[in-house]
Amino acid sequence: MTLTRLLLAGIFTMLVSLGAFASVDHAMFIKGPFKSGPEVTQKCLECHQKQGKDFMETAHWKWSGKPNLVKGMENSTKEYGKKNMINNFCISVEGGTNPQNQASCAGCHAGYGWKDNSFDHKNPANIDCLVCHTTDANYFAAKKRGGAGVPDPAAIESGRLDLVKSATSIGKPSMVNCGTCHFYGGGGDAVKHGDLDSSLFKADRNLDVHLGGEKGTTCITCHTSEKNHKIKGASTMMATYDGRVGCTDCHKEAHQNNPIMAKHLDAVSCQACHIPTHSRGQATKTMWDWSTAGDKTKDPDWEFDRETYYPTKGTMKWEKDVVPTYMWYSGKTKRYMKGDTFDPTKTLEMNAPDGSIADKKAKIYPFKAHVGKQPYDTKYNYLLTPHTFQGYWSHLDWQKALIEGAKGAGMEYSGKYDFASTVEYVGVNHMVAPKEKALQCADCHSPQGRLDWKALGYAADPMTGGTARNK
């Protein structure tokens, strides 16, 4: 490295240490040209070697980590996450002989080229720095079209994507950086989450009092990274997290001066009252039945401008302004893991929130309940991982898809399958309503109240004679 470049690197490091990162003009250091994303990353690493090393230890990069969110698995020596778990949306990234499902899912990975098991997680040049830090809108469109997280080569070659512009238009992660992936979980806008979708890009105060009502508030206002690129936040669908985010991080004294409300804080989460319904911006998927897939002749109905049937995916249901499902939650889940056996005559809870009326660490939280029907092995009584991308979605042959999927997941498949009923509970923490629209007493404490008191462990409504908690 030349003396001039050493001096520039030193100046840059000093500016970063002073907290001036977002205001640094990267055109001072980056000239290009670049023909690919990894070439940009190599340039970033000239000054940010530590950041690259740190990032490769995060769940955002590995899609796995210590299962500190799963009840009873906190001391596991094996890491778990999106890369080796099953859900009831697209089911698994492991489907396929290599497995090829990774190429589809990794369109939202913060890296370049994760198309199968040949991807090198130890090579820092594979990190996609831009997906979290560029402000160039053209970059996100090209990355979406390219596949396996690689920006569309045709866009680069034609000049529609200028990687020098992307690499010099740098800032802290914005709503666009985060939302480009997190608003589209499960394969599309508003599919997986009931409280995260593209309507938040232009949220007003009624949709989200924080993102739409407080100037300068973005995802990273709450989901901070104190060090080492590890971002706080815990999803009930995952096994690992790098830190927790809570309402009381900011609202430390909320309701303390109101004795009735203060009493509720022992058993009721902030979200339960302040998010009266989820999916207020647009409809979310609440049911996915894979067992009906394969009919190319079926003419689908429509709900909320969404098709309710795809030959490649089956039947779906969409709902808007949904009253959440309320459950006790201690901060951990009882998670179904790949290879676990279950009773197929009952609905399998993929990630039942841990907690009960007797658990003083638990509170009542709101969840989106997503029900599904997905393939399982009728001999071994465990869920299977079909090869979908360049597999079932191409040939509509379940037997072939399950044979190939089992190979990628390292599972034994008996050759006999059926479809099991499942439910997955997706935590509802965003789309906080203005305080004047929070739930009132009668919303819960009335004959028409929304809470199922007996399901929560109460003999009846505690306001009208039911036993109070822990009494």
Protein backbone atom coordinates (compact mmCIF):
# COMPACT_ATOMS: atom_id res chain seq x y z
CA MET A 1 0.00 0.00 0.00
CA THR A 2 1.39 3.41 -0.96
CA LEU A 3 2.05 6.13 1.60
CA THR A 4 -0.85 8.18 0.24
CA ARG A 5 -3.25 5.27 0.60
CA LEU A 6 -1.97 4.59 4.11
CA LEU A 7 -2.64 8.20 5.06
CA LEU A 8 -6.12 8.10 3.54
CA ALA A 9 -6.88 4.86 5.34
CA GLY A 10 -5.71 6.43 8.61
CA ILE A 11 -7.89 9.48 8.09
CA PHE A 12 -10.86 7.25 7.26
CA THR A 13 -10.34 5.13 10.37
CA MET A 14 -10.15 8.26 12.50
CA LEU A 15 -13.41 9.60 11.05
CA VAL A 16 -15.16 6.30 11.71
CA SER A 17 -13.93 6.26 15.30
CA LEU A 18 -15.34 9.75 15.77
CA GLY A 19 -18.77 8.59 14.63
CA ALA A 20 -18.61 10.45 11.33
CA PHE A 21 -19.07 7.38 9.14
CA ALA A 22 -22.39 8.40 7.58
CA SER A 23 -21.02 11.79 6.48
CA VAL A 24 -17.79 10.56 4.90
CA ASP A 25 -17.64 11.06 1.14
CA HIS A 26 -16.47 7.66 -0.07
CA ALA A 27 -15.62 9.11 -3.46
CA MET A 28 -12.38 10.20 -1.76
CA PHE A 29 -11.34 6.56 -1.46
CA ILE A 30 -13.23 4.60 -4.12
CA LYS A 31 -12.66 5.08 -7.83
CA GLY A 32 -13.42 1.77 -9.53
CA PRO A 33 -14.30 0.55 -12.04
CA PHE A 34 -15.97 -2.57 -10.65
CA LYS A 35 -17.33 -5.51 -12.58
CA SER A 36 -18.85 -7.39 -9.64
CA GLY A 37 -19.99 -7.09 -6.04
CA PRO A 38 -16.99 -9.00 -4.63
CA GLU A 39 -14.67 -6.46 -6.27
CA VAL A 40 -16.46 -3.73 -4.31
CA THR A 41 -16.13 -5.75 -1.11
CA GLN A 42 -12.39 -6.19 -1.63
CA LYS A 43 -12.14 -2.41 -1.79
CA CYS A 44 -14.20 -2.02 1.39
CA LEU A 45 -11.96 -4.50 3.21
CA GLU A 46 -8.87 -2.40 2.56
CA CYS A 47 -10.10 -0.14 5.37
CA HIS A 48 -12.62 -2.39 7.10
CA GLN A 49 -10.90 -5.72 7.68
CA LYS A 50 -12.09 -5.91 11.30
CA GLN A 51 -15.67 -5.14 10.31
CA GLY A 52 -15.56 -7.91 7.74
CA LYS A 53 -14.20 -10.39 10.27
CA ASP A 54 -16.82 -9.35 12.82
CA PHE A 55 -19.67 -9.61 10.36
CA MET A 56 -18.78 -13.20 9.50
CA GLU A 57 -19.55 -14.15 13.12
CA THR A 58 -23.11 -12.78 13.03
CA ALA A 59 -26.42 -14.55 12.44
CA HIS A 60 -27.03 -12.27 9.46
CA TRP A 61 -24.05 -13.92 7.76
CA LYS A 62 -24.15 -17.49 9.08
CA TRP A 63 -27.94 -17.82 9.26
CA SER A 64 -27.30 -19.75 12.45
CA GLY A 65 -26.01 -19.34 15.95
CA LYS A 66 -26.30 -20.60 19.51
CA PRO A 67 -29.96 -21.62 20.03
CA ASN A 68 -30.38 -19.24 22.97
CA LEU A 69 -34.01 -18.63 22.01
CA VAL A 70 -35.03 -22.30 22.25
CA LYS A 71 -36.16 -23.71 25.58
CA GLY A 72 -33.84 -26.51 26.69
CA MET A 73 -31.24 -25.98 23.96
CA GLU A 74 -29.39 -23.01 25.41
CA ASN A 75 -26.21 -25.05 26.01
CA SER A 76 -26.15 -26.74 22.61
CA THR A 77 -22.75 -26.97 20.95
CA LYS A 78 -24.40 -27.04 17.52
CA GLU A 79 -25.63 -23.89 15.83
CA TYR A 80 -29.13 -23.53 14.45
CA GLY A 81 -30.92 -21.01 12.28
CA LYS A 82 -32.51 -20.44 8.93
CA LYS A 83 -29.89 -22.59 7.22
CA ASN A 84 -30.91 -25.84 9.00
CA MET A 85 -34.41 -25.35 10.43
CA ILE A 86 -37.92 -25.99 9.08
CA ASN A 87 -40.83 -23.54 8.93
CA ASN A 88 -44.35 -23.70 7.49
CA PHE A 89 -43.84 -21.10 4.76
CA CYS A 90 -41.25 -22.11 2.10
CA ILE A 91 -40.32 -24.96 4.50
CA SER A 92 -36.51 -25.20 4.24
CA VAL A 93 -33.42 -23.84 2.51
CA GLU A 94 -31.93 -27.35 2.61
CA GLY A 95 -34.11 -28.92 -0.07
CA GLY A 96 -32.22 -30.24 -3.11
CA THR A 97 -29.36 -32.61 -3.67
CA ASN A 98 -26.71 -29.92 -3.07
CA PRO A 99 -29.07 -28.25 -1.83
CA GLN A 100 -30.32 -25.89 -4.53
CA ASN A 101 -33.07 -24.23 -2.45
CA GLN A 102 -30.29 -22.07 -1.03
CA ALA A 103 -30.01 -20.18 -4.31
CA SER A 104 -33.59 -18.95 -4.01
CA CYS A 105 -33.57 -18.11 -0.31
CA ALA A 106 -30.13 -16.49 -0.42
CA GLY A 107 -31.45 -13.68 -2.58
CA CYS A 108 -31.87 -12.05 0.84
CA HIS A 109 -28.52 -13.14 2.23
CA ALA A 110 -25.98 -10.39 2.90
CA GLY A 111 -23.51 -12.10 0.62
CA TYR A 112 -22.73 -12.98 -2.99
CA GLY A 113 -23.28 -16.37 -4.61
CA TRP A 114 -24.75 -18.65 -1.94
CA LYS A 115 -26.36 -21.02 -4.46
CA ASP A 116 -25.44 -24.38 -2.90
CA ASN A 117 -23.02 -26.01 -0.43
CA SER A 118 -20.02 -24.79 -2.41
CA PHE A 119 -20.47 -21.30 -0.95
CA ASP A 120 -17.47 -20.30 1.16
CA HIS A 121 -18.63 -18.66 4.39
CA LYS A 122 -14.99 -18.09 5.37
CA ASN A 123 -14.17 -15.86 2.39
CA PRO A 124 -14.75 -12.20 3.34
CA ALA A 125 -14.90 -11.24 -0.36
CA ASN A 126 -18.31 -12.96 -0.43
CA ILE A 127 -19.77 -10.40 2.00
CA ASP A 128 -22.25 -7.95 0.48
CA CYS A 129 -21.40 -4.70 2.25
CA LEU A 130 -23.66 -2.67 -0.06
CA VAL A 131 -26.94 -4.37 0.75
CA CYS A 132 -26.77 -2.86 4.24
CA HIS A 133 -24.92 0.37 3.50
CA THR A 134 -25.61 1.70 0.01
CA THR A 135 -28.27 4.32 -0.62
CA ASP A 136 -28.39 3.56 -4.35
CA ALA A 137 -31.89 2.24 -5.17
CA ASN A 138 -30.65 0.66 -8.42
CA TYR A 139 -28.51 -1.74 -6.41
CA PHE A 140 -31.46 -3.43 -4.69
CA ALA A 141 -33.33 -3.97 -7.94
CA ALA A 142 -30.27 -5.55 -9.56
CA LYS A 143 -29.58 -7.80 -6.56
CA LYS A 144 -33.17 -9.04 -6.60
CA ARG A 145 -32.96 -9.98 -10.29
CA GLY A 146 -29.53 -11.59 -10.16
CA GLY A 147 -30.22 -14.69 -8.06
CA ALA A 148 -28.25 -16.10 -5.11
CA GLY A 149 -27.67 -12.54 -3.94
CA VAL A 150 -25.55 -11.63 -6.97
CA PRO A 151 -26.41 -8.32 -8.67
CA ASP A 152 -27.68 -8.87 -12.20
CA PRO A 153 -24.53 -9.02 -14.42
CA ALA A 154 -26.55 -7.67 -17.38
CA ALA A 155 -27.44 -4.56 -15.36
CA ILE A 156 -23.77 -3.97 -14.59
CA GLU A 157 -22.66 -4.57 -18.16
CA SER A 158 -25.35 -2.29 -19.62
CA GLY A 159 -24.68 0.49 -17.13
CA ARG A 160 -28.12 0.32 -15.49
CA LEU A 161 -26.21 -0.46 -12.31
CA ASP A 162 -23.15 1.65 -11.63
CA LEU A 163 -21.25 -0.13 -8.85
CA VAL A 164 -19.00 2.89 -8.33
CA LYS A 165 -22.09 4.97 -7.56
CA SER A 166 -23.39 2.22 -5.26
CA ALA A 167 -20.05 2.00 -3.47
CA THR A 168 -19.74 5.76 -2.96
CA SER A 169 -23.37 6.32 -1.92
CA ILE A 170 -22.79 4.99 1.59
CA GLY A 171 -24.56 5.55 4.89
CA LYS A 172 -25.98 3.88 7.96
CA PRO A 173 -28.63 1.22 7.24
CA SER A 174 -31.93 2.83 6.31
CA MET A 175 -35.49 1.50 6.15
CA VAL A 176 -34.79 0.49 2.55
CA ASN A 177 -31.66 -1.48 3.48
CA CYS A 178 -33.48 -3.41 6.20
CA GLY A 179 -36.90 -3.63 4.58
CA THR A 180 -35.66 -4.91 1.23
CA CYS A 181 -35.23 -8.29 2.94
CA HIS A 182 -37.24 -8.21 6.16
CA PHE A 183 -40.46 -6.87 4.63
CA TYR A 184 -40.41 -9.67 2.05
CA GLY A 185 -39.75 -12.71 4.26
CA GLY A 186 -41.37 -15.95 3.17
CA GLY A 187 -41.12 -15.21 -0.52
CA GLY A 188 -43.05 -11.98 -0.92
CA ASP A 189 -44.35 -8.73 0.50
CA ALA A 190 -46.26 -9.22 3.79
CA VAL A 191 -46.08 -13.02 3.49
CA LYS A 192 -44.35 -13.99 6.72
CA HIS A 193 -44.75 -11.08 9.11
CA GLY A 194 -47.96 -9.44 10.22
CA ASP A 195 -46.19 -6.31 11.36
CA LEU A 196 -43.48 -5.86 8.70
CA ASP A 197 -44.25 -5.10 5.05
CA SER A 198 -43.63 -2.48 2.39
CA SER A 199 -46.41 -0.20 3.66
CA LEU A 200 -43.95 0.86 6.38
CA PHE A 201 -41.79 2.59 3.77
CA LYS A 202 -44.44 5.33 3.68
CA ALA A 203 -46.01 4.81 7.10
CA ASP A 204 -48.07 7.51 8.73
CA ARG A 205 -48.60 7.86 12.46
CA ASN A 206 -51.73 5.69 12.45
CA LEU A 207 -49.90 2.75 10.88
CA ASP A 208 -46.78 3.00 13.04
CA VAL A 209 -46.44 5.71 15.63
CA HIS A 210 -42.65 5.39 15.64
CA LEU A 211 -41.72 5.04 11.97
CA GLY A 212 -44.54 7.31 10.80
CA GLY A 213 -44.74 9.79 13.62
CA GLU A 214 -41.25 10.42 14.98
CA LYS A 215 -38.86 12.24 12.69
CA GLY A 216 -35.61 10.40 12.08
CA THR A 217 -36.80 7.06 13.50
CA THR A 218 -35.67 4.06 11.47
CA CYS A 219 -35.15 0.35 12.10
CA ILE A 220 -31.72 0.88 13.66
CA THR A 221 -33.10 3.38 16.17
CA CYS A 222 -34.22 0.33 18.15
CA HIS A 223 -32.31 -2.50 16.48
CA THR A 224 -28.92 -1.18 17.43
CA SER A 225 -25.51 -2.73 16.92
CA GLU A 226 -23.43 -1.89 19.96
CA LYS A 227 -20.36 -3.66 18.62
CA ASN A 228 -19.10 -6.21 16.14
CA HIS A 229 -22.01 -5.79 13.70
CA LYS A 230 -24.29 -7.86 15.95
CA ILE A 231 -27.75 -6.32 15.65
CA LYS A 232 -30.24 -6.61 18.49
CA GLY A 233 -33.49 -8.35 17.80
CA ALA A 234 -35.10 -11.75 18.39
CA SER A 235 -37.57 -13.46 16.05
CA THR A 236 -39.86 -16.14 17.44
CA MET A 237 -39.28 -18.09 14.20
CA MET A 238 -35.53 -18.36 14.68
CA ALA A 239 -33.31 -20.12 17.22
CA THR A 240 -30.70 -17.47 17.89
CA TYR A 241 -30.42 -13.77 18.62
CA ASP A 242 -27.62 -11.28 19.29
CA GLY A 243 -29.50 -9.07 21.75
CA ARG A 244 -33.01 -8.17 22.84
CA VAL A 245 -35.06 -5.07 22.02
CA GLY A 246 -37.79 -3.99 24.42
CA CYS A 247 -40.31 -1.16 24.65
CA THR A 248 -38.92 -0.23 28.05
CA ASP A 249 -35.55 0.51 26.48
CA CYS A 250 -37.09 3.94 25.84
CA HIS A 251 -40.37 3.93 27.77
CA LYS A 252 -38.96 3.16 31.19
CA GLU A 253 -41.62 4.91 33.27
CA ALA A 254 -44.70 4.06 31.21
CA HIS A 255 -47.89 3.74 33.33
CA GLN A 256 -46.01 3.75 36.62
CA ASN A 257 -48.23 6.57 37.94
CA ASN A 258 -51.46 4.71 37.17
CA PRO A 259 -52.02 1.93 39.75
CA ILE A 260 -54.45 -0.05 37.58
CA MET A 261 -52.21 0.07 34.53
CA ALA A 262 -49.08 -0.60 36.59
CA LYS A 263 -50.71 -3.77 37.88
CA HIS A 264 -51.20 -4.95 34.30
CA LEU A 265 -47.47 -4.63 33.58
CA ASP A 266 -46.75 -7.79 35.59
CA ALA A 267 -48.73 -9.93 33.16
CA VAL A 268 -49.40 -7.95 29.98
CA SER A 269 -46.82 -6.87 27.40
CA CYS A 270 -46.84 -3.37 25.96
CA GLN A 271 -47.50 -4.85 22.50
CA ALA A 272 -50.70 -6.57 23.63
CA CYS A 273 -52.47 -3.25 24.20
CA HIS A 274 -50.64 -0.94 21.81
CA ILE A 275 -50.91 -3.11 18.67
CA PRO A 276 -54.68 -3.69 18.53
CA THR A 277 -54.49 -5.42 15.13
CA HIS A 278 -51.65 -6.47 12.86
CA SER A 279 -51.45 -6.23 9.06
CA ARG A 280 -53.10 -2.83 8.99
CA GLY A 281 -51.10 -1.61 6.01
CA GLN A 282 -51.86 -4.57 3.77
CA ALA A 283 -53.04 -8.15 4.00
CA THR A 284 -50.72 -10.87 5.26
CA LYS A 285 -50.67 -14.59 4.53
CA THR A 286 -52.33 -16.57 7.32
CA MET A 287 -52.62 -20.01 5.68
CA TRP A 288 -50.49 -22.03 3.25
CA ASP A 289 -51.68 -25.49 2.21
CA TRP A 290 -49.03 -27.30 0.17
CA SER A 291 -51.18 -30.43 -0.14
CA THR A 292 -53.34 -28.84 -2.86
CA ALA A 293 -50.42 -27.90 -5.12
CA GLY A 294 -50.00 -29.42 -8.57
CA ASP A 295 -53.30 -28.53 -10.28
CA LYS A 296 -52.47 -26.49 -13.38
CA THR A 297 -56.16 -26.22 -14.33
CA LYS A 298 -57.40 -24.60 -11.12
CA ASP A 299 -58.68 -21.04 -11.52
CA PRO A 300 -57.78 -19.13 -8.33
CA ASP A 301 -59.93 -16.67 -6.46
CA TRP A 302 -58.44 -13.42 -5.22
CA GLU A 303 -58.19 -11.87 -1.77
CA PHE A 304 -56.85 -8.35 -1.28
CA ASP A 305 -55.40 -8.42 -4.82
CA ARG A 306 -53.49 -11.61 -4.00
CA GLU A 307 -53.92 -14.95 -5.74
CA THR A 308 -55.14 -17.66 -3.40
CA TYR A 309 -53.75 -20.57 -5.42
CA TYR A 310 -50.55 -21.36 -7.29
CA PRO A 311 -49.99 -24.76 -8.94
CA THR A 312 -46.43 -24.64 -7.58
CA LYS A 313 -47.37 -23.69 -4.01
CA GLY A 314 -50.95 -24.65 -3.27
CA THR A 315 -53.76 -22.79 -1.51
CA MET A 316 -53.24 -19.61 0.51
CA LYS A 317 -55.36 -17.31 2.64
CA TRP A 318 -54.81 -13.59 3.19
CA GLU A 319 -56.22 -11.37 5.96
CA LYS A 320 -56.04 -7.71 6.87
CA ASP A 321 -56.57 -5.86 10.19
CA VAL A 322 -56.17 -9.12 12.08
CA VAL A 323 -56.80 -9.45 15.80
CA PRO A 324 -53.68 -11.22 17.12
CA THR A 325 -53.49 -14.54 18.88
CA TYR A 326 -52.58 -13.93 22.54
CA MET A 327 -50.26 -16.28 24.41
CA TRP A 328 -47.96 -16.33 27.42
CA TYR A 329 -44.35 -15.76 26.37
CA SER A 330 -41.24 -15.85 28.53
CA GLY A 331 -38.86 -14.86 25.75
CA LYS A 332 -38.14 -18.41 24.58
CA THR A 333 -39.89 -20.90 22.33
CA LYS A 334 -40.41 -24.65 22.27
CA ARG A 335 -39.09 -25.15 18.75
CA TYR A 336 -39.61 -28.03 16.35
CA MET A 337 -36.22 -29.03 14.97
CA LYS A 338 -35.40 -31.04 11.86
CA GLY A 339 -35.75 -34.75 12.58
CA ASP A 340 -38.03 -34.33 15.62
CA THR A 341 -40.94 -36.78 15.59
CA PHE A 342 -44.52 -35.69 16.24
CA ASP A 343 -48.12 -36.95 16.30
CA PRO A 344 -49.52 -36.27 12.82
CA THR A 345 -53.11 -36.60 14.07
CA LYS A 346 -52.66 -33.29 15.90
CA THR A 347 -51.65 -29.84 14.73
CA LEU A 348 -47.90 -29.43 15.19
CA GLU A 349 -46.86 -26.20 16.87
CA MET A 350 -43.60 -25.28 15.15
CA ASN A 351 -42.52 -22.73 17.74
CA ALA A 352 -44.91 -22.64 20.69
CA PRO A 353 -44.11 -19.65 22.91
CA ASP A 354 -42.78 -20.84 26.25
CA GLY A 355 -44.72 -19.57 29.24
CA SER A 356 -47.85 -19.98 31.35
CA ILE A 357 -49.97 -18.17 33.91
CA ALA A 358 -47.73 -19.66 36.61
CA ASP A 359 -44.51 -18.41 35.00
CA LYS A 360 -43.65 -15.06 36.56
CA LYS A 361 -41.20 -14.34 33.74
CA ALA A 362 -43.93 -14.63 31.12
CA LYS A 363 -46.35 -12.00 29.88
CA ILE A 364 -49.25 -12.07 27.44
CA TYR A 365 -47.97 -11.17 23.97
CA PRO A 366 -49.65 -10.86 20.56
CA PHE A 367 -48.77 -13.22 17.70
CA LYS A 368 -49.72 -13.79 14.11
CA ALA A 369 -50.77 -17.44 13.83
CA HIS A 370 -49.86 -18.90 10.42
CA VAL A 371 -51.39 -22.31 9.75
CA GLY A 372 -50.10 -24.70 7.13
CA LYS A 373 -50.14 -28.19 5.66
CA GLN A 374 -46.76 -29.54 4.67
CA PRO A 375 -45.20 -32.90 3.79
CA TYR A 376 -44.05 -35.39 6.39
CA ASP A 377 -42.72 -38.94 6.32
CA THR A 378 -45.53 -41.33 7.33
CA LYS A 379 -43.07 -43.99 8.51
CA TYR A 380 -40.73 -41.81 10.57
CA ASN A 381 -43.31 -39.17 11.57
CA TYR A 382 -41.12 -36.17 10.95
CA LEU A 383 -41.41 -33.21 8.60
CA LEU A 384 -39.66 -33.38 5.23
CA THR A 385 -37.71 -30.75 3.31
CA PRO A 386 -38.83 -30.72 -0.33
CA HIS A 387 -36.60 -29.57 -3.17
CA THR A 388 -38.65 -26.63 -4.47
CA PHE A 389 -36.42 -24.18 -6.38
CA GLN A 390 -35.52 -25.81 -9.72
CA GLY A 391 -37.29 -28.82 -8.29
CA TYR A 392 -41.00 -29.14 -7.44
CA TRP A 393 -41.70 -25.65 -8.78
CA SER A 394 -40.51 -26.93 -12.17
CA HIS A 395 -41.88 -30.50 -12.37
CA LEU A 396 -44.71 -30.68 -9.75
CA ASP A 397 -43.64 -34.20 -8.72
CA TRP A 398 -43.80 -34.53 -4.93
CA GLN A 399 -42.03 -37.88 -4.82
CA LYS A 400 -39.04 -36.59 -6.77
CA ALA A 401 -38.98 -33.36 -4.74
CA LEU A 402 -38.95 -35.22 -1.43
CA ILE A 403 -36.28 -37.72 -2.49
CA GLU A 404 -33.97 -34.90 -3.59
CA GLY A 405 -34.89 -32.74 -0.61
CA ALA A 406 -34.02 -35.43 1.90
CA LYS A 407 -30.57 -35.79 0.37
CA GLY A 408 -29.82 -32.09 0.81
CA ALA A 409 -31.03 -32.09 4.41
CA GLY A 410 -29.21 -35.31 5.30
CA MET A 411 -32.46 -37.04 6.25
CA GLU A 412 -33.71 -40.54 5.59
CA TYR A 413 -36.89 -40.67 3.52
CA SER A 414 -39.02 -43.83 3.55
CA GLY A 415 -40.67 -43.05 0.23
CA LYS A 416 -44.09 -42.58 1.82
CA TYR A 417 -45.47 -39.17 2.61
CA ASP A 418 -48.62 -37.26 3.54
CA PHE A 419 -49.35 -33.72 4.68
CA ALA A 420 -49.46 -32.59 8.33
CA SER A 421 -51.24 -29.62 9.85
CA THR A 422 -48.86 -27.10 11.43
CA VAL A 423 -49.00 -23.67 13.00
CA GLU A 424 -46.22 -21.11 13.41
CA TYR A 425 -46.45 -18.14 15.77
CA VAL A 426 -44.89 -14.95 14.41
CA GLY A 427 -44.28 -12.28 17.05
CA VAL A 428 -46.05 -8.95 16.57
CA ASN A 429 -43.88 -6.04 17.72
CA HIS A 430 -44.20 -3.35 15.04
CA MET A 431 -47.08 -1.23 13.71
CA VAL A 432 -47.58 0.30 17.15
CA ALA A 433 -50.75 2.42 17.08
CA PRO A 434 -51.09 5.93 18.55
CA LYS A 435 -51.94 5.85 22.25
CA GLU A 436 -55.49 7.05 21.60
CA LYS A 437 -56.07 3.86 19.57
CA ALA A 438 -54.66 1.46 22.16
CA LEU A 439 -57.00 -1.17 23.58
CA GLN A 440 -59.46 -0.05 26.24
CA CYS A 441 -60.73 -2.04 29.22
CA ALA A 442 -63.81 -3.44 27.45
CA ASP A 443 -61.73 -4.76 24.57
CA CYS A 444 -60.57 -7.53 26.89
CA HIS A 445 -62.80 -7.33 29.97
CA SER A 446 -66.29 -7.83 28.52
CA PRO A 447 -68.43 -10.72 27.23
CA GLN A 448 -67.25 -9.83 23.72
CA GLY A 449 -63.63 -9.37 24.80
CA ARG A 450 -60.84 -10.63 22.60
CA LEU A 451 -58.96 -12.68 25.21
CA ASP A 452 -59.64 -16.38 25.71
CA TRP A 453 -59.24 -16.40 29.46
CA LYS A 454 -59.47 -20.17 29.90
CA ALA A 455 -56.86 -20.79 27.20
CA LEU A 456 -54.58 -18.41 29.11
CA GLY A 457 -55.08 -20.38 32.34
CA TYR A 458 -57.69 -18.23 34.09
CA ALA A 459 -60.91 -19.71 35.43
CA ALA A 460 -62.70 -16.68 33.99
CA ASP A 461 -62.14 -12.99 33.33
CA PRO A 462 -60.19 -11.85 36.44
CA MET A 463 -62.20 -8.60 36.42
CA THR A 464 -65.47 -10.46 36.88
CA GLY A 465 -64.56 -13.19 39.32
CA GLY A 466 -61.77 -15.16 37.70
CA THR A 467 -58.70 -15.82 39.81
CA ALA A 468 -55.93 -13.27 39.24
CA ARG A 469 -52.49 -14.39 38.19
CA ASN A 470 -50.23 -16.01 40.81
CA LYS A 471 -52.80 -15.59 43.55
